[in-house]
PDB file of N, CA and C in Angstrom:
ATOM      1  N   MET A   1     -16.742  51.985   8.081  1.00  0.00           N
ATOM      2  CA  MET A   1     -15.407  52.624   8.207  1.00  0.00           C
ATOM      3  C   MET A   1     -15.504  54.003   8.903  1.00  0.00           C
ATOM      4  N   HIS A   2     -16.533  54.744   8.489  1.00  0.00           N
ATOM      5  CA  HIS A   2     -16.727  56.091   9.000  1.00  0.00           C
ATOM      6  C   HIS A   2     -16.821  56.053  10.604  1.00  0.00           C
ATOM      7  N   LYS A   3     -17.549  55.073  11.129  1.00  0.00           N
ATOM      8  CA  LYS A   3     -17.677  54.905  12.483  1.00  0.00           C
ATOM      9  C   LYS A   3     -16.437  54.596  13.281  1.00  0.00           C
ATOM     10  N   LYS A   4     -15.613  53.714  12.707  1.00  0.00           N
ATOM     11  CA  LYS A   4     -14.385  53.283  13.139  1.00  0.00           C
ATOM     12  C   LYS A   4     -13.370  54.461  13.182  1.00  0.00           C
ATOM     13  N   LEU A   5     -13.333  55.228  12.092  1.00  0.00           N
ATOM     14  CA  LEU A   5     -12.515  56.445  11.949  1.00  0.00           C
ATOM     15  C   LEU A   5     -12.922  57.450  12.882  1.00  0.00           C
ATOM     16  N   PHE A   6     -14.229  57.550  13.149  1.00  0.00           N
ATOM     17  CA  PHE A   6     -14.667  58.548  14.204  1.00  0.00           C
ATOM     18  C   PHE A   6     -14.167  58.217  15.551  1.00  0.00           C
ATOM     19  N   VAL A   7     -14.118  56.938  15.837  1.00  0.00           N
ATOM     20  CA  VAL A   7     -13.627  56.537  17.145  1.00  0.00           C
ATOM     21  C   VAL A   7     -12.206  56.754  17.372  1.00  0.00           C
ATOM     22  N   GLU A   8     -11.370  56.265  16.245  1.00  0.00           N
ATOM     23  CA  GLU A   8      -9.929  56.317  16.353  1.00  0.00           C
ATOM     24  C   GLU A   8      -9.414  57.543  15.852  1.00  0.00           C
ATOM     25  N   GLN A   9      -9.942  58.348  14.966  1.00  0.00           N
ATOM     26  CA  GLN A   9      -9.258  59.533  14.576  1.00  0.00           C
ATOM     27  C   GLN A   9     -10.416  60.607  14.392  1.00  0.00           C
ATOM     28  N   PRO A  10     -11.029  61.140  15.415  1.00  0.00           N
ATOM     29  CA  PRO A  10     -12.104  62.038  15.211  1.00  0.00           C
ATOM     30  C   PRO A  10     -11.726  63.340  14.552  1.00  0.00           C
ATOM     31  N   ASN A  11     -10.542  63.739  14.634  1.00  0.00           N
ATOM     32  CA  ASN A  11     -10.007  64.978  13.945  1.00  0.00           C
ATOM     33  C   ASN A  11     -10.062  64.804  12.449  1.00  0.00           C
ATOM     34  N   LEU A  12     -10.020  63.605  11.936  1.00  0.00           N
ATOM     35  CA  LEU A  12     -10.025  63.333  10.465  1.00  0.00           C
ATOM     36  C   LEU A  12     -11.510  63.476  10.056  1.00  0.00           C
ATOM     37  N   VAL A  13     -12.446  62.895  10.822  1.00  0.00           N
ATOM     38  CA  VAL A  13     -13.760  62.935  10.402  1.00  0.00           C
ATOM     39  C   VAL A  13     -14.339  64.407  10.404  1.00  0.00           C
ATOM     40  N   ASN A  14     -13.862  65.190  11.386  1.00  0.00           N
ATOM     41  CA  ASN A  14     -14.371  66.541  11.451  1.00  0.00           C
ATOM     42  C   ASN A  14     -13.594  67.498  10.426  1.00  0.00           C
ATOM     43  N   SER A  15     -12.606  67.097   9.885  1.00  0.00           N
ATOM     44  CA  SER A  15     -11.770  67.997   8.977  1.00  0.00           C
ATOM     45  C   SER A  15     -12.460  68.154   7.604  1.00  0.00           C
ATOM     46  N   LYS A  16     -12.224  69.364   6.929  1.00  0.00           N
ATOM     47  CA  LYS A  16     -12.794  69.592   5.687  1.00  0.00           C
ATOM     48  C   LYS A  16     -11.749  69.116   4.624  1.00  0.00           C
ATOM     49  N   GLY A  17     -12.287  68.760   3.446  1.00  0.00           N
ATOM     50  CA  GLY A  17     -11.419  68.225   2.349  1.00  0.00           C
ATOM     51  C   GLY A  17     -11.388  66.739   2.335  1.00  0.00           C
ATOM     52  N   PRO A  18     -10.692  66.166   1.356  1.00  0.00           N
ATOM     53  CA  PRO A  18     -10.487  64.815   1.239  1.00  0.00           C
ATOM     54  C   PRO A  18      -9.568  64.188   2.207  1.00  0.00           C
ATOM     55  N   ILE A  19      -9.791  62.874   2.444  1.00  0.00           N
ATOM     56  CA  ILE A  19      -8.950  62.124   3.388  1.00  0.00           C
ATOM     57  C   ILE A  19      -8.273  61.062   2.458  1.00  0.00           C
ATOM     58  N   LEU A  20      -7.051  61.020   2.514  1.00  0.00           N
ATOM     59  CA  LEU A  20      -6.300  60.094   1.726  1.00  0.00           C
ATOM     60  C   LEU A  20      -6.019  58.796   2.467  1.00  0.00           C
ATOM     61  N   LEU A  21      -6.251  57.690   1.932  1.00  0.00           N
ATOM     62  CA  LEU A  21      -6.110  56.405   2.541  1.00  0.00           C
ATOM     63  C   LEU A  21      -4.804  55.777   2.014  1.00  0.00           C
ATOM     64  N   HIS A  22      -3.913  55.547   2.819  1.00  0.00           N
ATOM     65  CA  HIS A  22      -2.681  54.879   2.452  1.00  0.00           C
ATOM     66  C   HIS A  22      -2.846  53.435   2.907  1.00  0.00           C
ATOM     67  N   ASP A  23      -2.905  52.518   1.866  1.00  0.00           N
ATOM     68  CA  ASP A  23      -3.117  51.099   2.094  1.00  0.00           C
ATOM     69  C   ASP A  23      -1.756  50.390   2.003  1.00  0.00           C
ATOM     70  N   ASN A  24      -1.337  49.894   3.086  1.00  0.00           N
ATOM     71  CA  ASN A  24      -0.162  49.078   3.199  1.00  0.00           C
ATOM     72  C   ASN A  24      -0.368  47.666   2.984  1.00  0.00           C
ATOM     73  N   LYS A  25      -1.573  47.285   2.846  1.00  0.00           N
ATOM     74  CA  LYS A  25      -1.904  45.784   2.757  1.00  0.00           C
ATOM     75  C   LYS A  25      -1.695  45.310   1.398  1.00  0.00           C
ATOM     76  N   THR A  26      -1.570  46.129   0.342  1.00  0.00           N
ATOM     77  CA  THR A  26      -1.445  45.646  -1.026  1.00  0.00           C
ATOM     78  C   THR A  26      -0.149  46.206  -1.694  1.00  0.00           C
ATOM     79  N   PRO A  27       0.986  45.847  -1.086  1.00  0.00           N
ATOM     80  CA  PRO A  27       2.234  46.502  -1.683  1.00  0.00           C
ATOM     81  C   PRO A  27       2.477  45.940  -3.099  1.00  0.00           C
ATOM     82  N   ASP A  28       1.815  44.850  -3.444  1.00  0.00           N
ATOM     83  CA  ASP A  28       1.954  44.291  -4.835  1.00  0.00           C
ATOM     84  C   ASP A  28       1.480  45.245  -5.928  1.00  0.00           C
ATOM     85  N   LEU A  29       0.696  46.211  -5.499  1.00  0.00           N
ATOM     86  CA  LEU A  29       0.146  47.189  -6.539  1.00  0.00           C
ATOM     87  C   LEU A  29       0.625  48.516  -6.256  1.00  0.00           C
ATOM     88  N   SER A  30       1.871  48.749  -5.654  1.00  0.00           N
ATOM     89  CA  SER A  30       2.308  49.983  -5.367  1.00  0.00           C
ATOM     90  C   SER A  30       2.584  50.750  -6.686  1.00  0.00           C
ATOM     91  N   PRO A  31       2.404  52.122  -6.668  1.00  0.00           N
ATOM     92  CA  PRO A  31       2.562  52.840  -7.819  1.00  0.00           C
ATOM     93  C   PRO A  31       3.925  52.657  -8.515  1.00  0.00           C
ATOM     94  N   ALA A  32       5.050  52.454  -7.875  1.00  0.00           N
ATOM     95  CA  ALA A  32       6.262  52.133  -8.465  1.00  0.00           C
ATOM     96  C   ALA A  32       6.348  50.941  -9.375  1.00  0.00           C
ATOM     97  N   ASP A  33       5.309  50.114  -9.053  1.00  0.00           N
ATOM     98  CA  ASP A  33       5.229  48.763  -9.959  1.00  0.00           C
ATOM     99  C   ASP A  33       4.539  49.044 -11.257  1.00  0.00           C
ATOM    100  N   TYR A  34       3.838  50.115 -11.351  1.00  0.00           N
ATOM    101  CA  TYR A  34       2.923  50.349 -12.524  1.00  0.00           C
ATOM    102  C   TYR A  34       3.775  50.551 -13.709  1.00  0.00           C
ATOM    103  N   HIS A  35       3.396  49.813 -14.763  1.00  0.00           N
ATOM    104  CA  HIS A  35       4.253  49.753 -16.020  1.00  0.00           C
ATOM    105  C   HIS A  35       4.551  51.086 -16.574  1.00  0.00           C
ATOM    106  N   PHE A  36       3.658  52.136 -16.779  1.00  0.00           N
ATOM    107  CA  PHE A  36       3.937  53.302 -17.300  1.00  0.00           C
ATOM    108  C   PHE A  36       4.920  54.085 -16.504  1.00  0.00           C
ATOM    109  N   PHE A  37       4.789  54.189 -15.155  1.00  0.00           N
ATOM    110  CA  PHE A  37       5.597  55.023 -14.419  1.00  0.00           C
ATOM    111  C   PHE A  37       7.056  54.374 -14.175  1.00  0.00           C
ATOM    112  N   LYS A  38       7.165  53.134 -14.190  1.00  0.00           N
ATOM    113  CA  LYS A  38       8.582  52.605 -14.130  1.00  0.00           C
ATOM    114  C   LYS A  38       9.340  53.043 -15.373  1.00  0.00           C
ATOM    115  N   HIS A  39       8.734  52.897 -16.591  1.00  0.00           N
ATOM    116  CA  HIS A  39       9.421  53.252 -17.759  1.00  0.00           C
ATOM    117  C   HIS A  39       9.534  54.863 -17.949  1.00  0.00           C
ATOM    118  N   PHE A  40       8.558  55.609 -17.459  1.00  0.00           N
ATOM    119  CA  PHE A  40       8.697  56.982 -17.581  1.00  0.00           C
ATOM    120  C   PHE A  40       9.731  57.502 -16.612  1.00  0.00           C
ATOM    121  N   ASP A  41       9.889  56.845 -15.429  1.00  0.00           N
ATOM    122  CA  ASP A  41      11.021  57.206 -14.455  1.00  0.00           C
ATOM    123  C   ASP A  41      12.379  56.926 -15.158  1.00  0.00           C
ATOM    124  N   ASN A  42      12.523  55.812 -15.862  1.00  0.00           N
ATOM    125  CA  ASN A  42      13.844  55.572 -16.609  1.00  0.00           C
ATOM    126  C   ASN A  42      14.065  56.652 -17.735  1.00  0.00           C
ATOM    127  N   PHE A  43      12.951  57.016 -18.405  1.00  0.00           N
ATOM    128  CA  PHE A  43      13.133  58.072 -19.506  1.00  0.00           C
ATOM    129  C   PHE A  43      13.551  59.373 -18.874  1.00  0.00           C
ATOM    130  N   LEU A  44      13.127  59.652 -17.676  1.00  0.00           N
ATOM    131  CA  LEU A  44      13.385  60.922 -17.119  1.00  0.00           C
ATOM    132  C   LEU A  44      14.822  61.114 -16.510  1.00  0.00           C
ATOM    133  N   ARG A  45      15.505  59.976 -16.388  1.00  0.00           N
ATOM    134  CA  ARG A  45      16.824  59.992 -15.838  1.00  0.00           C
ATOM    135  C   ARG A  45      17.798  61.023 -16.505  1.00  0.00           C
ATOM    136  N   GLU A  46      18.428  61.878 -15.738  1.00  0.00           N
ATOM    137  CA  GLU A  46      19.415  62.817 -16.131  1.00  0.00           C
ATOM    138  C   GLU A  46      18.849  63.829 -16.997  1.00  0.00           C
ATOM    139  N   LYS A  47      17.559  64.058 -17.044  1.00  0.00           N
ATOM    140  CA  LYS A  47      16.881  65.127 -17.901  1.00  0.00           C
ATOM    141  C   LYS A  47      16.831  66.348 -16.790  1.00  0.00           C
ATOM    142  N   ILE A  48      16.989  67.469 -17.402  1.00  0.00           N
ATOM    143  CA  ILE A  48      16.819  68.716 -16.569  1.00  0.00           C
ATOM    144  C   ILE A  48      15.867  69.648 -17.280  1.00  0.00           C
ATOM    145  N   PHE A  49      14.863  70.173 -16.562  1.00  0.00           N
ATOM    146  CA  PHE A  49      13.841  71.103 -17.123  1.00  0.00           C
ATOM    147  C   PHE A  49      14.042  72.471 -16.751  1.00  0.00           C
ATOM    148  N   ARG A  50      14.102  73.292 -17.779  1.00  0.00           N
ATOM    149  CA  ARG A  50      14.225  74.759 -17.506  1.00  0.00           C
ATOM    150  C   ARG A  50      12.965  75.414 -17.038  1.00  0.00           C
ATOM    151  N   ASP A  51      11.778  74.799 -17.504  1.00  0.00           N
ATOM    152  CA  ASP A  51      10.479  75.360 -17.226  1.00  0.00           C
ATOM    153  C   ASP A  51       9.391  74.327 -17.439  1.00  0.00           C
ATOM    154  N   LYS A  52       8.218  74.745 -17.100  1.00  0.00           N
ATOM    155  CA  LYS A  52       7.025  73.826 -17.225  1.00  0.00           C
ATOM    156  C   LYS A  52       6.910  73.330 -18.622  1.00  0.00           C
ATOM    157  N   GLU A  53       7.169  74.113 -19.625  1.00  0.00           N
ATOM    158  CA  GLU A  53       6.989  73.729 -21.060  1.00  0.00           C
ATOM    159  C   GLU A  53       8.021  72.538 -21.403  1.00  0.00           C
ATOM    160  N   ASP A  54       9.198  72.681 -20.849  1.00  0.00           N
ATOM    161  CA  ASP A  54      10.118  71.579 -21.065  1.00  0.00           C
ATOM    162  C   ASP A  54       9.556  70.217 -20.378  1.00  0.00           C
ATOM    163  N   ALA A  55       9.045  70.352 -19.340  1.00  0.00           N
ATOM    164  CA  ALA A  55       8.491  69.092 -18.607  1.00  0.00           C
ATOM    165  C   ALA A  55       7.298  68.539 -19.438  1.00  0.00           C
ATOM    166  N   VAL A  56       6.457  69.431 -19.878  1.00  0.00           N
ATOM    167  CA  VAL A  56       5.233  68.893 -20.623  1.00  0.00           C
ATOM    168  C   VAL A  56       5.759  68.339 -21.992  1.00  0.00           C
ATOM    169  N   ASN A  57       6.662  69.022 -22.667  1.00  0.00           N
ATOM    170  CA  ASN A  57       7.152  68.473 -23.861  1.00  0.00           C
ATOM    171  C   ASN A  57       7.839  67.108 -23.699  1.00  0.00           C
ATOM    172  N   THR A  58       8.530  66.956 -22.645  1.00  0.00           N
ATOM    173  CA  THR A  58       9.208  65.632 -22.415  1.00  0.00           C
ATOM    174  C   THR A  58       8.206  64.557 -22.046  1.00  0.00           C
ATOM    175  N   LEU A  59       7.104  64.856 -21.368  1.00  0.00           N
ATOM    176  CA  LEU A  59       6.038  63.837 -21.140  1.00  0.00           C
ATOM    177  C   LEU A  59       5.416  63.533 -22.535  1.00  0.00           C
ATOM    178  N   VAL A  60       5.097  64.479 -23.383  1.00  0.00           N
ATOM    179  CA  VAL A  60       4.531  64.269 -24.666  1.00  0.00           C
ATOM    180  C   VAL A  60       5.450  63.331 -25.444  1.00  0.00           C
ATOM    181  N   GLU A  61       6.732  63.664 -25.471  1.00  0.00           N
ATOM    182  CA  GLU A  61       7.716  62.846 -26.178  1.00  0.00           C
ATOM    183  C   GLU A  61       7.724  61.421 -25.715  1.00  0.00           C
ATOM    184  N   PHE A  62       7.714  61.230 -24.363  1.00  0.00           N
ATOM    185  CA  PHE A  62       7.637  59.911 -23.934  1.00  0.00           C
ATOM    186  C   PHE A  62       6.479  59.068 -24.361  1.00  0.00           C
ATOM    187  N   ILE A  63       5.212  59.741 -24.203  1.00  0.00           N
ATOM    188  CA  ILE A  63       4.067  59.124 -24.599  1.00  0.00           C
ATOM    189  C   ILE A  63       4.054  58.762 -26.071  1.00  0.00           C
ATOM    190  N   ASN A  64       4.576  59.688 -26.910  1.00  0.00           N
ATOM    191  CA  ASN A  64       4.569  59.420 -28.373  1.00  0.00           C
ATOM    192  C   ASN A  64       5.582  58.362 -28.774  1.00  0.00           C
ATOM    193  N   SER A  65       6.591  58.213 -27.944  1.00  0.00           N
ATOM    194  CA  SER A  65       7.673  57.201 -28.265  1.00  0.00           C
ATOM    195  C   SER A  65       7.302  55.793 -28.013  1.00  0.00           C
ATOM    196  N   ARG A  66       6.166  55.539 -27.361  1.00  0.00           N
ATOM    197  CA  ARG A  66       5.771  54.199 -27.027  1.00  0.00           C
ATOM    198  C   ARG A  66       4.701  53.743 -28.015  1.00  0.00           C
ATOM    199  N   THR A  67       4.774  52.417 -28.305  1.00  0.00           N
ATOM    200  CA  THR A  67       3.890  51.777 -29.235  1.00  0.00           C
ATOM    201  C   THR A  67       2.551  51.452 -28.512  1.00  0.00           C
ATOM    202  N   PRO A  68       1.526  51.153 -29.363  1.00  0.00           N
ATOM    203  CA  PRO A  68       0.293  50.810 -28.631  1.00  0.00           C
ATOM    204  C   PRO A  68       0.456  49.424 -27.837  1.00  0.00           C
ATOM    205  N   ASP A  69       1.343  48.645 -28.265  1.00  0.00           N
ATOM    206  CA  ASP A  69       1.599  47.371 -27.484  1.00  0.00           C
ATOM    207  C   ASP A  69       2.117  47.652 -26.068  1.00  0.00           C
ATOM    208  N   PHE A  70       2.950  48.679 -25.982  1.00  0.00           N
ATOM    209  CA  PHE A  70       3.509  49.121 -24.722  1.00  0.00           C
ATOM    210  C   PHE A  70       2.309  49.495 -23.745  1.00  0.00           C
ATOM    211  N   TYR A  71       1.330  50.169 -24.154  1.00  0.00           N
ATOM    212  CA  TYR A  71       0.241  50.428 -23.362  1.00  0.00           C
ATOM    213  C   TYR A  71      -0.651  49.214 -23.058  1.00  0.00           C
ATOM    214  N   CYS A  72      -0.931  48.462 -24.059  1.00  0.00           N
ATOM    215  CA  CYS A  72      -1.681  47.235 -23.923  1.00  0.00           C
ATOM    216  C   CYS A  72      -1.058  46.254 -23.007  1.00  0.00           C
ATOM    217  N   ASN A  73       0.296  46.040 -23.019  1.00  0.00           N
ATOM    218  CA  ASN A  73       0.992  45.151 -22.117  1.00  0.00           C
ATOM    219  C   ASN A  73       0.864  45.619 -20.659  1.00  0.00           C
ATOM    220  N   GLY A  74       1.010  46.941 -20.536  1.00  0.00           N
ATOM    221  CA  GLY A  74       1.042  47.521 -19.101  1.00  0.00           C
ATOM    222  C   GLY A  74      -0.344  47.373 -18.534  1.00  0.00           C
ATOM    223  N   ILE A  75      -1.295  47.547 -19.232  1.00  0.00           N
ATOM    224  CA  ILE A  75      -2.737  47.482 -18.694  1.00  0.00           C
ATOM    225  C   ILE A  75      -3.040  46.050 -18.431  1.00  0.00           C
ATOM    226  N   GLY A  76      -2.665  45.200 -19.354  1.00  0.00           N
ATOM    227  CA  GLY A  76      -2.857  43.712 -19.169  1.00  0.00           C
ATOM    228  C   GLY A  76      -2.064  43.169 -17.881  1.00  0.00           C
ATOM    229  N   THR A  77      -0.766  43.634 -17.665  1.00  0.00           N
ATOM    230  CA  THR A  77      -0.086  43.212 -16.570  1.00  0.00           C
ATOM    231  C   THR A  77      -0.818  43.655 -15.273  1.00  0.00           C
ATOM    232  N   LEU A  78      -1.119  44.891 -15.201  1.00  0.00           N
ATOM    233  CA  LEU A  78      -1.892  45.499 -14.013  1.00  0.00           C
ATOM    234  C   LEU A  78      -3.130  44.750 -13.729  1.00  0.00           C
ATOM    235  N   ALA A  79      -3.949  44.361 -14.695  1.00  0.00           N
ATOM    236  CA  ALA A  79      -5.152  43.603 -14.625  1.00  0.00           C
ATOM    237  C   ALA A  79      -4.798  42.293 -13.969  1.00  0.00           C
ATOM    238  N   LYS A  80      -3.771  41.646 -14.389  1.00  0.00           N
ATOM    239  CA  LYS A  80      -3.399  40.315 -13.860  1.00  0.00           C
ATOM    240  C   LYS A  80      -3.145  40.492 -12.390  1.00  0.00           C
ATOM    241  N   ARG A  81      -2.337  41.456 -12.065  1.00  0.00           N
ATOM    242  CA  ARG A  81      -1.899  41.717 -10.642  1.00  0.00           C
ATOM    243  C   ARG A  81      -3.073  42.032  -9.780  1.00  0.00           C
ATOM    244  N   TRP A  82      -4.085  42.700 -10.308  1.00  0.00           N
ATOM    245  CA  TRP A  82      -5.298  43.044  -9.540  1.00  0.00           C
ATOM    246  C   TRP A  82      -6.086  41.719  -9.179  1.00  0.00           C
ATOM    247  N   LYS A  83      -6.077  40.910 -10.257  1.00  0.00           N
ATOM    248  CA  LYS A  83      -6.773  39.627 -10.031  1.00  0.00           C
ATOM    249  C   LYS A  83      -6.019  38.644  -9.042  1.00  0.00           C
ATOM    250  N   LYS A  84      -4.789  38.659  -9.070  1.00  0.00           N
ATOM    251  CA  LYS A  84      -3.940  37.880  -8.196  1.00  0.00           C
ATOM    252  C   LYS A  84      -4.176  38.455  -6.751  1.00  0.00           C
ATOM    253  N   CYS A  85      -4.249  39.783  -6.587  1.00  0.00           N
ATOM    254  CA  CYS A  85      -4.406  40.380  -5.236  1.00  0.00           C
ATOM    255  C   CYS A  85      -5.731  39.877  -4.768  1.00  0.00           C
ATOM    256  N   ILE A  86      -6.854  40.050  -5.613  1.00  0.00           N
ATOM    257  CA  ILE A  86      -8.203  39.626  -5.112  1.00  0.00           C
ATOM    258  C   ILE A  86      -8.187  38.221  -4.698  1.00  0.00           C
ATOM    259  N   GLU A  87      -7.510  37.300  -5.555  1.00  0.00           N
ATOM    260  CA  GLU A  87      -7.545  35.890  -5.277  1.00  0.00           C
ATOM    261  C   GLU A  87      -6.735  35.594  -4.038  1.00  0.00           C
ATOM    262  N   SER A  88      -5.714  36.432  -3.646  1.00  0.00           N
ATOM    263  CA  SER A  88      -4.975  36.182  -2.404  1.00  0.00           C
ATOM    264  C   SER A  88      -5.616  36.819  -1.201  1.00  0.00           C
ATOM    265  N   ASN A  89      -6.882  37.402  -1.439  1.00  0.00           N
ATOM    266  CA  ASN A  89      -7.571  38.091  -0.392  1.00  0.00           C
ATOM    267  C   ASN A  89      -6.870  39.207   0.253  1.00  0.00           C
ATOM    268  N   GLY A  90      -5.982  39.990  -0.526  1.00  0.00           N
ATOM    269  CA  GLY A  90      -5.266  41.118  -0.081  1.00  0.00           C
ATOM    270  C   GLY A  90      -3.982  40.822   0.590  1.00  0.00           C
ATOM    271  N   ASN A  91      -3.635  39.478   0.734  1.00  0.00           N
ATOM    272  CA  ASN A  91      -2.344  39.093   1.220  1.00  0.00           C
ATOM    273  C   ASN A  91      -1.154  39.351   0.288  1.00  0.00           C
ATOM    274  N   TYR A  92       0.011  39.536   0.859  1.00  0.00           N
ATOM    275  CA  TYR A  92       1.223  39.906   0.008  1.00  0.00           C
ATOM    276  C   TYR A  92       1.483  38.600  -0.847  1.00  0.00           C
ATOM    277  N   PHE A  93       1.904  38.871  -2.006  1.00  0.00           N
ATOM    278  CA  PHE A  93       2.369  37.805  -2.924  1.00  0.00           C
ATOM    279  C   PHE A  93       3.521  38.368  -3.792  1.00  0.00           C
ATOM    280  N   ASP A  94       4.368  37.539  -4.342  1.00  0.00           N
ATOM    281  CA  ASP A  94       5.426  37.896  -5.236  1.00  0.00           C
ATOM    282  C   ASP A  94       5.000  37.892  -6.733  1.00  0.00           C
TER     283      ASP A  94
END
């Protein structure tokens, strides 16, 4: 990959700092689909934060409001989607 990147985007190879890879080949695993974030996004609707402490307290409130089953189900679902992605050789699936 480094050689190909050097040929196609030498400015990235010579830059300092991390290079972020945006992978469009696995939309089935996009962050918006992750269990935690979908529910957290819904929890945040119409909330307004006055400061960082408000935001942190809201995150803690959300985490504490979920049962252990919530986290187990989310992790289990993600693992199933990973397996499905691997089995489909990275091709899109529903």
